[in-house]
Amino acid sequence: MNVKTLQTSILVVLFHCSFINAEVEEAQPVIYLQPNTTQLFTELYQAYGLQSPPKRTFFESALYLDQSTPPSILPLQPSNAVIFDHADQVLSQFHARVKDLELYIDPSKPKPFFYTATGSKHLIVALVFAIVKSEPDTKFAFAEQVPYYSGHPNAVTGIFDYPNARFIAFENPSEIKLEPDEELVEIVTSPNNPDGKFREPQTDAEIIMADFVFASSAFGRDGTGYVDQNIEWLRKARANGKHVFSFNSASKQFGKTGARCGYMWYPLYDEYAALIFKKFYNFISCSTVAGSSTGLADFLDLIKAFIDLSDTGISLRKDAHESLISRHELVEKELLTRYPGSTVISIPGSPTLFAKINDPRIPNERASDVILKDLNVAVNNGEPMGETNDFVRLNLSGYSILIAQFLNRLAGENKYTEQDVLTLSTHQCAHSTICSNGSSQTEHFVNPGDCNIEVDASKGPITVWLPKFFDYLKSEVVTIQKIDSSENPVVIKSDSFIRPLEHNHQNIKVQWTQPDYSHGHWNVIE
């Protein structure tokens, strides 16, 4: 082979290798860091034995949650009143224990009306609807300091075309220019989404909507959720006669988005709140009838499990906060290395990272599109949050494995693991014993959060089913062991395999995995 032929062969090989490498890079699945969901809590509940808390709340699922008795919208039917009273009692007890009940209830006023909706976003839309529709001849300006949660302006201008309402984004309250006879409503989120900072009212608005979905010790710079600071400004606002509507959700600070449970203690004692209540109530009743009774029941089971803990979950929320601190610091470090000159706006302890990206392709391209092209990672662009599309917001509260993969793509090497972005001060392994009931066949279905399962088949055969854990990226390693000496079989079944346990102390270790939200399956750990 002559030199020219050798050079040509080398070039062909190099090109082929480069093509293969490019294909491998293109084959990387998209990491979605857009939705502001908090699977971090799924991992923490798994470690703390709270993934499947005892089922103690049972609501009749054939009922609507808010059927009122005609002709008035109140009182509720007795069945609904019982459910709401129970939810009120459980959540009031929890929030009193963690010393933040005053975020939602003015202790100097009569008992408010507890009510739920299909998430906090539903409450936001309902409040805007009630304010605007109750006084159709009054103009309203809903104002919020940037950056803000994108759902707030959508509630004002993105769903209904209100002729008497507009949304104002401001950096400094001096920028707000009201029209004659226009009523100002300020929206305050604290800790703020997307930057995690403390917020308090910046204007003298008479109506305040207070979004406290991140107001827990898991979030904020100092791991307090700014609860004391928030209560301080709330006391002043209430004392000055402001009309305050505050609310929370099962989604963000509890990681139970699927429960679809936003909740608030509606201040019916407030004259203005009473004026708009019918529109508020009717909007929720006509759209989704106050949410899901089964979702509310599952959420209350978690809250009851927290109440049973001596620290009401303080250590779990501390682990969440420390995890968010490390995630923010590591992502900030790698992001600034990958995109020098960028500016991170958010603070450690924020549920999301919010940053202005420096790259020569911007502003011809959105920063979110640049990151998608470079890393195959989907993030939010900044425009819906009141900034330019030079900004991005990315979720830091998701699964640890996805945050670690994102960090590795930023760094260009595999240097991070789940352990780098997840703090666990405990790891409790749930233990259960399954006994045959003497019938021809006993069946048991493994639950999320199961860890050790002992099976006693002395009175008859037992089948242990491994159902699909849809959208759980990874379960605990589940050890299933036969603990009797009978000849009755214990059979482990999944969609892809069947394994018998025939002898005393014989066991099998299995784990559910669903990488990148593709098709999941159970694996046998040999």
Protein backbone atom coordinates (compact mmCIF):
# COMPACT_ATOMS: atom_id res chain seq x y z
CA MET A 1 0.00 0.00 0.00
CA ASN A 2 1.49 3.38 -1.03
CA VAL A 3 1.44 6.48 1.17
CA LYS A 4 -1.41 8.15 -0.72
CA THR A 5 -3.62 5.06 -0.45
CA LEU A 6 -2.80 4.78 3.27
CA GLN A 7 -3.69 8.43 3.84
CA THR A 8 -6.97 7.97 1.99
CA SER A 9 -7.80 4.89 4.09
CA ILE A 10 -7.05 6.76 7.32
CA LEU A 11 -9.28 9.65 6.25
CA VAL A 12 -12.11 7.23 5.42
CA VAL A 13 -11.74 5.55 8.82
CA LEU A 14 -11.64 8.90 10.64
CA PHE A 15 -14.69 10.12 8.74
CA HIS A 16 -16.51 6.87 9.51
CA CYS A 17 -15.64 7.15 13.22
CA SER A 18 -16.73 10.79 13.28
CA PHE A 19 -20.00 9.82 11.64
CA ILE A 20 -20.55 7.06 14.19
CA ASN A 21 -19.76 9.45 17.06
CA ALA A 22 -22.16 12.01 15.62
CA GLU A 23 -24.85 9.34 15.40
CA VAL A 24 -24.20 8.38 19.03
CA GLU A 25 -24.50 12.01 20.11
CA GLU A 26 -27.70 12.44 18.10
CA ALA A 27 -29.07 9.29 19.68
CA GLN A 28 -28.95 10.88 23.13
CA PRO A 29 -32.53 11.13 24.34
CA VAL A 30 -33.97 14.54 25.09
CA ILE A 31 -33.83 15.50 28.76
CA TYR A 32 -36.94 17.47 29.64
CA LEU A 33 -36.26 20.11 32.28
CA GLN A 34 -39.28 22.22 31.35
CA PRO A 35 -42.17 21.11 33.55
CA ASN A 36 -41.84 22.45 37.06
CA THR A 37 -42.63 19.09 38.69
CA THR A 38 -40.89 17.88 41.84
CA GLN A 39 -39.91 14.22 41.51
CA LEU A 40 -37.14 15.03 43.98
CA PHE A 41 -39.82 14.39 46.59
CA THR A 42 -40.60 11.00 45.05
CA GLU A 43 -37.00 10.01 45.76
CA LEU A 44 -37.14 11.43 49.27
CA TYR A 45 -40.43 9.71 50.08
CA GLN A 46 -38.88 6.46 48.89
CA ALA A 47 -35.93 6.92 51.25
CA TYR A 48 -38.12 7.96 54.18
CA GLY A 49 -40.65 5.15 53.77
CA LEU A 50 -43.41 7.57 52.72
CA GLN A 51 -43.81 6.55 49.10
CA SER A 52 -46.98 4.57 49.83
CA PRO A 53 -48.25 5.84 53.20
CA PRO A 54 -50.99 3.86 54.96
CA LYS A 55 -54.37 4.28 53.31
CA ARG A 56 -56.46 6.02 55.96
CA THR A 57 -58.64 8.45 54.04
CA PHE A 58 -61.64 7.10 52.17
CA PHE A 59 -63.97 9.40 50.25
CA GLU A 60 -66.95 8.24 48.21
CA SER A 61 -65.60 8.64 44.68
CA ALA A 62 -69.07 8.77 43.08
CA LEU A 63 -69.63 12.24 44.55
CA TYR A 64 -68.69 15.64 43.22
CA LEU A 65 -66.63 17.56 45.73
CA ASP A 66 -68.64 20.78 45.65
CA GLN A 67 -72.30 20.14 44.88
CA SER A 68 -74.15 22.92 46.65
CA THR A 69 -77.77 22.77 47.69
CA PRO A 70 -80.02 24.94 45.48
CA PRO A 71 -81.11 27.65 45.35
CA SER A 72 -78.04 29.15 47.07
CA ILE A 73 -74.45 28.14 46.36
CA LEU A 74 -73.95 27.52 50.06
CA PRO A 75 -74.26 25.51 52.19
CA LEU A 76 -72.64 22.49 50.60
CA GLN A 77 -74.41 19.17 50.56
CA PRO A 78 -73.72 17.39 53.88
CA SER A 79 -71.50 14.81 52.16
CA ASN A 80 -69.27 17.52 50.67
CA ALA A 81 -69.20 19.47 53.92
CA VAL A 82 -67.88 16.40 55.75
CA ILE A 83 -65.06 15.94 53.22
CA PHE A 84 -64.02 19.60 53.24
CA ASP A 85 -64.22 19.76 57.03
CA HIS A 86 -61.93 16.74 57.29
CA ALA A 87 -59.44 18.19 54.80
CA ASP A 88 -59.57 21.52 56.66
CA GLN A 89 -58.84 19.77 59.97
CA VAL A 90 -55.92 17.70 58.66
CA LEU A 91 -54.23 20.50 56.72
CA SER A 92 -54.78 23.03 59.52
CA GLN A 93 -53.11 20.64 61.95
CA PHE A 94 -50.14 20.16 59.64
CA HIS A 95 -49.63 23.84 58.88
CA ALA A 96 -49.96 24.71 62.56
CA ARG A 97 -47.29 22.13 63.39
CA VAL A 98 -44.86 23.58 60.84
CA LYS A 99 -45.75 27.11 61.99
CA ASP A 100 -46.95 28.53 58.69
CA LEU A 101 -50.75 28.41 59.06
CA GLU A 102 -50.83 32.22 59.26
CA LEU A 103 -49.81 32.32 55.60
CA TYR A 104 -53.35 31.19 54.81
CA ILE A 105 -55.50 32.13 57.82
CA ASP A 106 -55.80 35.44 59.67
CA PRO A 107 -55.97 34.28 63.32
CA SER A 108 -57.81 37.46 64.34
CA LYS A 109 -60.74 36.78 62.00
CA PRO A 110 -63.67 34.34 61.97
CA LYS A 111 -63.23 30.85 60.54
CA PRO A 112 -62.66 31.02 56.76
CA PHE A 113 -64.14 28.68 54.14
CA PHE A 114 -61.78 25.84 53.16
CA TYR A 115 -61.95 24.98 49.48
CA THR A 116 -59.99 23.05 46.85
CA ALA A 117 -59.47 23.25 43.11
CA THR A 118 -57.63 21.33 40.41
CA GLY A 119 -54.23 22.68 41.40
CA SER A 120 -53.13 26.17 42.38
CA LYS A 121 -53.26 27.32 38.76
CA HIS A 122 -56.99 26.64 38.81
CA LEU A 123 -57.33 28.83 41.90
CA ILE A 124 -55.39 31.61 40.18
CA VAL A 125 -57.63 31.53 37.11
CA ALA A 126 -60.75 31.41 39.30
CA LEU A 127 -59.63 34.38 41.40
CA VAL A 128 -58.89 36.48 38.31
CA PHE A 129 -62.26 35.50 36.83
CA ALA A 130 -64.06 36.41 40.05
CA ILE A 131 -62.34 39.78 40.39
CA VAL A 132 -62.91 40.82 36.79
CA LYS A 133 -66.42 39.44 36.27
CA SER A 134 -67.86 40.61 39.59
CA GLU A 135 -67.31 44.25 38.58
CA PRO A 136 -67.48 44.33 34.78
CA ASP A 137 -67.59 48.13 34.71
CA THR A 138 -64.31 48.44 36.63
CA LYS A 139 -60.92 48.20 34.94
CA PHE A 140 -58.30 46.02 36.62
CA ALA A 141 -54.52 45.98 36.21
CA PHE A 142 -52.85 42.82 37.49
CA ALA A 143 -49.21 43.60 38.20
CA GLU A 144 -46.25 41.41 39.08
CA GLN A 145 -42.52 41.98 39.37
CA VAL A 146 -40.36 40.16 36.81
CA PRO A 147 -39.40 37.40 36.56
CA TYR A 148 -42.62 35.62 37.43
CA TYR A 149 -44.46 32.33 37.02
CA SER A 150 -45.86 32.18 33.48
CA GLY A 151 -49.25 30.93 34.71
CA HIS A 152 -50.04 34.29 36.29
CA PRO A 153 -50.24 36.44 33.13
CA ASN A 154 -51.93 33.55 31.33
CA ALA A 155 -54.74 33.70 33.90
CA VAL A 156 -55.30 37.36 33.01
CA THR A 157 -54.82 37.48 29.24
CA GLY A 158 -54.09 33.98 27.95
CA ILE A 159 -57.41 32.18 28.52
CA PHE A 160 -60.27 34.69 28.38
CA ASP A 161 -60.38 37.99 26.53
CA TYR A 162 -61.37 40.26 29.40
CA PRO A 163 -62.19 43.76 28.10
CA ASN A 164 -61.60 45.24 31.56
CA ALA A 165 -58.34 43.51 32.58
CA ARG A 166 -54.68 43.71 31.62
CA PHE A 167 -51.39 42.36 32.96
CA ILE A 168 -48.44 44.61 33.80
CA ALA A 169 -44.92 43.27 34.20
CA PHE A 170 -42.60 45.59 36.11
CA GLU A 171 -39.09 45.71 37.49
CA ASN A 172 -39.70 48.85 39.50
CA PRO A 173 -43.19 49.82 40.71
CA SER A 174 -42.63 53.32 39.34
CA GLU A 175 -43.08 51.78 35.87
CA ILE A 176 -46.76 51.07 36.59
CA LYS A 177 -48.98 53.72 34.99
CA LEU A 178 -52.61 53.17 35.86
CA GLU A 179 -55.43 54.44 33.70
CA PRO A 180 -58.13 56.63 35.27
CA ASP A 181 -60.34 54.62 37.67
CA GLU A 182 -58.24 51.48 37.12
CA GLU A 183 -57.96 49.14 40.13
CA LEU A 184 -54.54 47.63 40.87
CA VAL A 185 -54.14 43.96 41.85
CA GLU A 186 -50.67 42.74 42.79
CA ILE A 187 -49.56 39.12 42.49
CA VAL A 188 -46.80 38.03 44.88
CA THR A 189 -45.02 34.65 44.86
CA SER A 190 -42.62 33.95 47.73
CA PRO A 191 -40.31 32.08 47.38
CA ASN A 192 -40.50 33.28 43.82
CA ASN A 193 -40.63 31.08 40.76
CA PRO A 194 -38.31 31.15 38.79
CA ASP A 195 -35.52 32.69 40.90
CA GLY A 196 -36.22 31.42 44.45
CA LYS A 197 -35.99 34.88 46.02
CA PHE A 198 -38.08 36.43 48.78
CA ARG A 199 -40.93 38.59 47.53
CA GLU A 200 -43.29 41.01 49.24
CA PRO A 201 -45.75 43.55 47.81
CA GLN A 202 -44.06 46.36 45.90
CA THR A 203 -47.17 48.48 45.40
CA ASP A 204 -50.03 49.86 47.46
CA ALA A 205 -52.57 47.60 45.76
CA GLU A 206 -55.74 46.98 47.77
CA ILE A 207 -56.07 43.44 46.37
CA ILE A 208 -53.20 40.96 46.77
CA MET A 209 -52.97 37.43 45.37
CA ALA A 210 -50.33 35.53 47.38
CA ASP A 211 -48.93 32.38 45.77
CA PHE A 212 -47.22 30.31 48.49
CA VAL A 213 -46.76 27.00 46.67
CA PHE A 214 -43.01 27.06 47.43
CA ALA A 215 -43.31 28.49 50.95
CA SER A 216 -41.76 25.56 52.79
CA SER A 217 -38.41 24.86 54.43
CA ALA A 218 -37.38 22.90 51.33
CA PHE A 219 -37.01 26.14 49.37
CA GLY A 220 -35.38 29.56 49.55
CA ARG A 221 -31.86 30.71 50.25
CA ASP A 222 -31.86 29.88 53.97
CA GLY A 223 -34.11 26.81 54.00
CA THR A 224 -37.07 28.51 55.69
CA GLY A 225 -39.28 29.22 52.70
CA TYR A 226 -39.18 32.82 54.03
CA VAL A 227 -42.18 31.86 56.17
CA ASP A 228 -41.51 34.38 58.97
CA GLN A 229 -40.83 37.20 56.49
CA ASN A 230 -43.97 36.35 54.53
CA ILE A 231 -46.08 36.30 57.68
CA GLU A 232 -44.65 39.70 58.65
CA TRP A 233 -45.79 41.41 55.44
CA LEU A 234 -49.11 39.55 55.52
CA ARG A 235 -49.85 40.88 59.01
CA LYS A 236 -49.17 44.43 57.86
CA ALA A 237 -51.31 44.02 54.75
CA ARG A 238 -54.23 42.57 56.70
CA ALA A 239 -53.94 45.23 59.40
CA ASN A 240 -54.08 47.89 56.68
CA GLY A 241 -57.32 46.46 55.33
CA LYS A 242 -55.86 44.83 52.21
CA HIS A 243 -57.88 42.05 50.59
CA VAL A 244 -55.48 39.08 50.64
CA PHE A 245 -56.12 35.83 48.79
CA SER A 246 -53.41 33.26 49.60
CA PHE A 247 -53.22 29.64 48.52
CA ASN A 248 -51.09 26.50 48.38
CA SER A 249 -50.93 23.27 46.41
CA ALA A 250 -50.12 19.58 46.75
CA SER A 251 -47.88 19.85 43.70
CA LYS A 252 -44.80 21.91 44.42
CA GLN A 253 -43.82 21.65 48.09
CA PHE A 254 -45.26 18.14 48.46
CA GLY A 255 -44.42 16.63 45.06
CA LYS A 256 -47.97 15.38 44.49
CA THR A 257 -48.85 17.09 41.22
CA GLY A 258 -51.01 14.15 40.17
CA ALA A 259 -53.33 14.70 43.14
CA ARG A 260 -54.54 17.91 41.42
CA CYS A 261 -55.19 19.68 44.67
CA GLY A 262 -54.82 23.41 45.09
CA TYR A 263 -56.31 24.64 48.33
CA MET A 264 -57.08 27.83 50.19
CA TRP A 265 -58.97 29.13 53.18
CA TYR A 266 -61.23 31.61 51.43
CA PRO A 267 -61.70 34.77 53.59
CA LEU A 268 -65.49 35.05 53.44
CA TYR A 269 -65.36 37.42 56.43
CA ASP A 270 -63.76 40.01 54.12
CA GLU A 271 -66.46 42.20 52.56
CA TYR A 272 -64.75 42.36 49.16
CA ALA A 273 -63.95 38.63 49.16
CA ALA A 274 -67.61 37.92 49.93
CA LEU A 275 -68.63 40.16 47.02
CA ILE A 276 -66.66 38.13 44.45
CA PHE A 277 -67.14 34.71 46.06
CA LYS A 278 -70.10 33.63 43.93
CA LYS A 279 -68.13 34.13 40.69
CA PHE A 280 -65.09 32.39 42.21
CA TYR A 281 -67.13 29.43 43.43
CA ASN A 282 -69.19 29.10 40.26
CA PHE A 283 -66.09 29.17 38.04
CA ILE A 284 -64.53 26.21 39.87
CA SER A 285 -67.84 24.39 40.18
CA CYS A 286 -68.64 24.79 36.48
CA SER A 287 -65.16 23.85 35.26
CA THR A 288 -63.89 20.96 37.39
CA VAL A 289 -66.06 20.77 40.51
CA ALA A 290 -63.25 21.38 43.03
CA GLY A 291 -60.94 18.65 41.83
CA SER A 292 -60.53 14.98 42.61
CA SER A 293 -61.86 13.33 45.75
CA THR A 294 -59.46 10.39 45.30
CA GLY A 295 -56.53 12.76 44.70
CA LEU A 296 -57.44 14.74 47.80
CA ALA A 297 -57.69 11.53 49.84
CA ASP A 298 -54.24 10.35 48.72
CA PHE A 299 -52.77 13.77 49.50
CA LEU A 300 -54.31 13.77 52.98
CA ASP A 301 -52.83 10.32 53.64
CA LEU A 302 -49.39 11.82 53.02
CA ILE A 303 -50.14 14.78 55.30
CA LYS A 304 -51.30 12.41 58.05
CA ALA A 305 -48.05 10.47 57.68
CA PHE A 306 -46.14 13.75 58.13
CA ILE A 307 -48.17 14.57 61.24
CA ASP A 308 -47.27 11.16 62.69
CA LEU A 309 -43.56 11.98 62.41
CA SER A 310 -41.99 13.57 65.48
CA ASP A 311 -40.47 16.33 63.33
CA THR A 312 -43.42 16.60 60.89
CA GLY A 313 -40.99 15.95 58.02
CA ILE A 314 -38.44 18.65 58.85
CA SER A 315 -35.48 16.35 58.14
CA LEU A 316 -36.97 15.32 54.79
CA ARG A 317 -37.44 18.93 53.74
CA LYS A 318 -33.90 19.70 54.91
CA ASP A 319 -32.63 16.96 52.59
CA ALA A 320 -34.69 18.51 49.79
CA HIS A 321 -33.20 21.93 50.45
CA GLU A 322 -29.62 20.65 50.56
CA SER A 323 -30.24 18.73 47.33
CA LEU A 324 -31.51 21.90 45.64
CA ILE A 325 -28.51 23.86 46.92
CA SER A 326 -26.05 21.36 45.43
CA ARG A 327 -27.99 21.14 42.17
CA HIS A 328 -28.06 24.90 41.72
CA GLU A 329 -24.37 25.31 42.54
CA LEU A 330 -23.24 22.51 40.22
CA VAL A 331 -25.46 23.53 37.31
CA GLU A 332 -24.41 27.17 37.70
CA LYS A 333 -20.74 26.15 37.67
CA GLU A 334 -21.02 23.97 34.55
CA LEU A 335 -23.38 26.37 32.75
CA LEU A 336 -20.98 29.30 33.18
CA THR A 337 -18.10 27.12 31.99
CA ARG A 338 -20.03 25.99 28.92
CA TYR A 339 -21.42 29.46 28.15
CA PRO A 340 -18.89 32.02 29.50
CA GLY A 341 -20.32 35.44 30.21
CA SER A 342 -23.75 34.10 31.10
CA THR A 343 -25.52 35.46 34.20
CA VAL A 344 -27.39 33.33 36.71
CA ILE A 345 -30.28 35.28 38.25
CA SER A 346 -31.67 32.62 40.58
CA ILE A 347 -30.20 31.70 43.96
CA PRO A 348 -29.23 28.37 45.57
CA GLY A 349 -32.35 26.91 47.15
CA SER A 350 -34.52 27.89 44.20
CA PRO A 351 -36.64 25.10 42.67
CA THR A 352 -35.45 26.26 39.26
CA LEU A 353 -32.37 27.86 37.73
CA PHE A 354 -33.00 31.08 35.84
CA ALA A 355 -30.18 32.50 33.75
CA LYS A 356 -29.32 34.83 30.89
CA ILE A 357 -27.28 32.84 28.38
CA ASN A 358 -24.36 34.41 26.54
CA ASP A 359 -23.82 32.89 23.10
CA PRO A 360 -23.11 34.43 19.67
CA ARG A 361 -26.21 32.74 18.21
CA ILE A 362 -28.42 34.77 20.57
CA PRO A 363 -30.67 36.78 19.98
CA ASN A 364 -31.07 35.42 16.44
CA GLU A 365 -31.95 32.18 18.19
CA ARG A 366 -33.67 31.72 21.52
CA ALA A 367 -31.40 30.62 24.35
CA SER A 368 -33.63 27.60 24.95
CA ASP A 369 -33.14 26.54 21.31
CA VAL A 370 -29.37 26.90 21.65
CA ILE A 371 -29.34 24.59 24.66
CA LEU A 372 -31.59 22.11 22.87
CA LYS A 373 -29.26 22.05 19.85
CA ASP A 374 -26.09 21.82 21.92
CA LEU A 375 -27.17 19.38 24.61
CA ASN A 376 -30.52 17.89 23.54
CA VAL A 377 -32.02 19.31 26.73
CA ALA A 378 -35.42 21.04 26.64
CA VAL A 379 -35.76 24.08 28.92
CA ASN A 380 -38.18 27.01 29.12
CA ASN A 381 -37.41 30.30 27.41
CA GLY A 382 -37.61 33.54 29.37
CA GLU A 383 -40.30 35.49 27.52
CA PRO A 384 -43.31 33.88 29.31
CA MET A 385 -41.69 34.90 32.62
CA GLY A 386 -41.36 38.56 31.71
CA GLU A 387 -37.80 38.51 30.39
CA THR A 388 -36.31 38.24 26.91
CA ASN A 389 -35.60 34.95 25.20
CA ASP A 390 -31.93 35.38 26.13
CA PHE A 391 -33.10 33.82 29.41
CA VAL A 392 -33.87 30.21 30.25
CA ARG A 393 -35.56 28.49 33.14
CA LEU A 394 -34.74 24.88 33.92
CA ASN A 395 -36.27 22.64 36.54
CA LEU A 396 -33.93 21.60 39.37
CA SER A 397 -36.59 19.64 41.27
CA GLY A 398 -36.84 16.60 39.02
CA TYR A 399 -35.26 13.17 39.22
CA SER A 400 -31.63 13.09 40.34
CA ILE A 401 -30.54 10.91 37.44
CA LEU A 402 -31.80 13.49 34.92
CA ILE A 403 -30.03 16.35 36.70
CA ALA A 404 -26.80 14.30 36.74
CA GLN A 405 -27.15 13.51 33.03
CA PHE A 406 -27.71 17.19 32.28
CA LEU A 407 -24.59 18.11 34.25
CA ASN A 408 -22.57 15.53 32.33
CA ARG A 409 -23.74 16.94 29.01
CA LEU A 410 -22.80 20.45 30.14
CA ALA A 411 -19.38 19.23 31.28
CA GLY A 412 -18.82 17.06 28.22
CA GLU A 413 -17.81 14.09 30.35
CA ASN A 414 -19.31 11.60 32.79
CA LYS A 415 -18.25 13.16 36.08
CA TYR A 416 -21.54 13.39 37.99
CA THR A 417 -23.81 10.76 39.52
CA GLU A 418 -27.13 10.83 41.34
CA GLN A 419 -25.31 10.95 44.67
CA ASP A 420 -23.85 14.35 43.74
CA VAL A 421 -27.29 15.93 43.51
CA LEU A 422 -29.33 14.03 46.12
CA THR A 423 -28.89 14.40 49.88
CA LEU A 424 -30.31 11.55 51.97
CA SER A 425 -29.86 11.56 55.73
CA THR A 426 -31.77 8.29 56.05
CA HIS A 427 -32.75 5.30 53.97
CA GLN A 428 -35.58 3.29 55.44
CA CYS A 429 -36.42 -0.01 53.81
CA ALA A 430 -40.12 -0.84 54.01
CA HIS A 431 -40.75 -4.38 55.26
CA SER A 432 -43.90 -6.43 54.75
CA THR A 433 -44.97 -10.05 55.19
CA ILE A 434 -47.44 -11.75 52.85
CA CYS A 435 -49.27 -14.85 54.08
CA SER A 436 -51.40 -17.25 52.08
CA ASN A 437 -55.04 -17.28 53.11
CA GLY A 438 -55.59 -21.00 52.59
CA SER A 439 -57.47 -20.54 49.33
CA SER A 440 -56.36 -22.00 46.05
CA GLN A 441 -54.38 -18.89 45.20
CA THR A 442 -53.24 -15.79 47.09
CA GLU A 443 -52.09 -12.77 45.09
CA HIS A 444 -50.09 -9.73 46.11
CA PHE A 445 -49.15 -6.67 44.04
CA VAL A 446 -45.88 -4.86 44.75
CA ASN A 447 -46.29 -1.14 45.51
CA PRO A 448 -43.95 1.80 44.87
CA GLY A 449 -41.78 2.13 47.95
CA ASP A 450 -41.71 -1.60 48.76
CA CYS A 451 -38.27 -2.87 49.66
CA ASN A 452 -38.32 -6.18 51.59
CA ILE A 453 -41.19 -8.62 51.12
CA GLU A 454 -41.27 -11.90 53.04
CA VAL A 455 -43.69 -14.49 51.70
CA ASP A 456 -45.20 -17.25 53.86
CA ALA A 457 -46.83 -19.84 51.60
CA SER A 458 -47.28 -22.48 54.29
CA LYS A 459 -51.07 -22.53 53.81
CA GLY A 460 -51.15 -22.29 50.03
CA PRO A 461 -49.42 -20.98 46.90
CA ILE A 462 -48.82 -17.25 46.46
CA THR A 463 -48.30 -15.16 43.34
CA VAL A 464 -46.45 -11.86 43.68
CA TRP A 465 -47.20 -9.55 40.78
CA LEU A 466 -44.82 -6.85 39.58
CA PRO A 467 -47.11 -4.22 37.99
CA LYS A 468 -45.83 -1.43 35.81
CA PHE A 469 -44.78 1.71 37.69
CA PHE A 470 -45.58 4.17 34.92
CA ASP A 471 -43.17 7.15 34.75
CA TYR A 472 -41.21 6.13 37.85
CA LEU A 473 -37.66 6.30 36.52
CA LYS A 474 -36.40 3.83 39.09
CA SER A 475 -37.80 1.94 42.07
CA GLU A 476 -36.11 0.59 45.14
CA VAL A 477 -34.40 -2.77 44.74
CA VAL A 478 -37.16 -5.07 45.99
CA THR A 479 -36.10 -8.28 47.74
CA ILE A 480 -38.79 -10.99 47.75
CA GLN A 481 -38.04 -14.02 49.94
CA LYS A 482 -39.91 -17.25 50.67
CA ILE A 483 -39.83 -17.86 54.44
CA ASP A 484 -41.62 -21.20 54.82
CA SER A 485 -40.54 -24.80 54.27
CA SER A 486 -43.70 -25.98 52.51
CA GLU A 487 -43.79 -27.22 48.94
CA ASN A 488 -46.31 -24.53 48.03
CA PRO A 489 -44.74 -22.34 45.35
CA VAL A 490 -44.20 -18.62 45.43
CA VAL A 491 -44.31 -17.27 41.89
CA ILE A 492 -43.00 -13.84 40.88
CA LYS A 493 -44.67 -12.51 37.74
CA SER A 494 -44.06 -9.49 35.54
CA ASP A 495 -44.97 -8.81 31.92
CA SER A 496 -41.58 -10.12 30.81
CA PHE A 497 -40.68 -12.97 33.15
CA ILE A 498 -41.94 -15.56 35.63
CA ARG A 499 -39.69 -16.76 38.44
CA PRO A 500 -40.62 -19.39 41.05
CA LEU A 501 -39.32 -19.44 44.63
CA GLU A 502 -39.48 -23.08 45.72
CA HIS A 503 -37.30 -23.36 48.80
CA ASN A 504 -37.13 -21.75 52.24
CA HIS A 505 -34.98 -18.59 52.26
CA GLN A 506 -34.82 -18.53 48.46
CA ASN A 507 -35.12 -14.94 47.25
CA ILE A 508 -35.11 -12.76 44.20
CA LYS A 509 -34.10 -9.11 43.83
CA VAL A 510 -35.95 -7.02 41.27
CA GLN A 511 -36.04 -3.36 40.26
CA TRP A 512 -38.28 -1.29 38.02
CA THR A 513 -36.51 1.04 35.60
CA GLN A 514 -37.95 3.37 32.99
CA PRO A 515 -35.00 5.32 31.62
CA ASP A 516 -35.78 8.59 29.89
CA TYR A 517 -39.52 7.92 30.27
CA SER A 518 -39.40 5.26 27.56
CA HIS A 519 -40.94 1.82 27.99
CA GLY A 520 -40.19 0.59 31.49
CA HIS A 521 -39.59 -2.94 32.68
CA TRP A 522 -38.66 -5.01 35.71
CA ASN A 523 -35.09 -6.27 35.94
CA VAL A 524 -33.84 -9.24 37.92
CA ILE A 525 -30.77 -8.24 39.92
CA GLU A 526 -28.50 -11.29 39.89
